[in-house]
Amino acid sequence: MINKDKPFSFDDYDNENIFKKHDDFQDLSHQYVENPAIYSTPEMDDDEGFVPTSNGSTTTVQNKDSNFVFFYGTSASGKSVILSAILYYLNSFAGVLRPKLGSPNSREAHVLLADFFENIKKGILPNRTTRDQVTRLDFVFDPNNKSKKVPPISLSFLETAGENHNEISRGGKYVDGIEAYLNSDIPLNFIIVTSYDRAHHEDAKIVEFLDYLERKGKNLKNVNVLLVISKWDKSGNLGVDNEQHLENFISERLSMTNNRIDTYNLSKTYFTIGNVQNQAGMEKITLLNLDSAEIIAKWLYHNIVGYDLDYEGTFWEKIKFSLSK
């Protein structure tokens, strides 16, 4: 059973009059700092050679003052589409999403947002992420909720190509750019994505990733993890009939993953971007549906802040809000 603070929701959401299209989603590579500090000794008068010791170079994470959201999912699982939908929901209905000043990619994030919202009406699905690159997008989210319990937050979204996730199979590890984030002492939230039509092939891979997090010292009992079944529209529906519908699908197709999720009381939900049709050999969105993007965005905000994004306010705030109407 999914408890009430999980992201599962059956609230009706009218999207008939929302833009019915989507956008190109570009990739940004995060700039990492190298620290090649070389220690050496003065020349010696004798003939004996001396090899200086180097501490090598390390990849570090800049601007740690944020709430990081790491997407896991194999190639074409729908990670970029989910990220795009979350950004659109936050910026169009829940508040204002703006590039974070002073971040390594603030200008690029501004360009990305502008391009995304300019092209969303065209119904174009996001491009796939480039291998061995980490897409990092730094934003400040200002909620339109006026309660002081619902403050602005910094958000840093991290995504990498699905091919990179295969590198941890059988004891392997990620490229340095990805390892830098998983090794850093930063607040991390994990969104694990697998698609409706591929979930039964990816059960073991997801468990490998969860084990990998454990080896990195990420105690799953204390980490925010959300399992998302993407492309739910392939089931013939844009939603689920009831909680048990989703529970049955996950327990049947992802039995090992489901056991981990239930054991550690982690979250699970589904996702669809809406109606998608093949037009001239290209998949395009013909009806944008933000129900599931809303659920994921609200789950993320609640886990970071501790209050719901649509929190109605304290007793005195409710009085103040009622008088101001």
Foldseek 3Di string as FASTA:
>chain_A
DADPLFLDDDDDDDQPPPQQAWAAADFDFDDWDWDWDFDDDDDDPDPDDDDGDTPGIATADPDQQAAEEEEADAAPLCPQVLVLLLQCCLPPPFFHKAADPPGRCRVVLRVRVVRTVVCRNVQAGYDAADAPGKGWGWIWGQTPDPAPLQGIGIYIYIYHHNVQLCQPPPNGDGPRSVVNVLLDPHNYAYEYTGELVCLLVCLVSVVSVVVVSVVSVNDLLPHAYEYEHEPCCVVVDQADPDPVRVVVSCCVRRVNVSVVCVVSVYHYGYYYQADWDQDPNHIGGRGGDSPSSVSVSQSVSCVVSVDGSVDCYDPVVVVVVVVVD
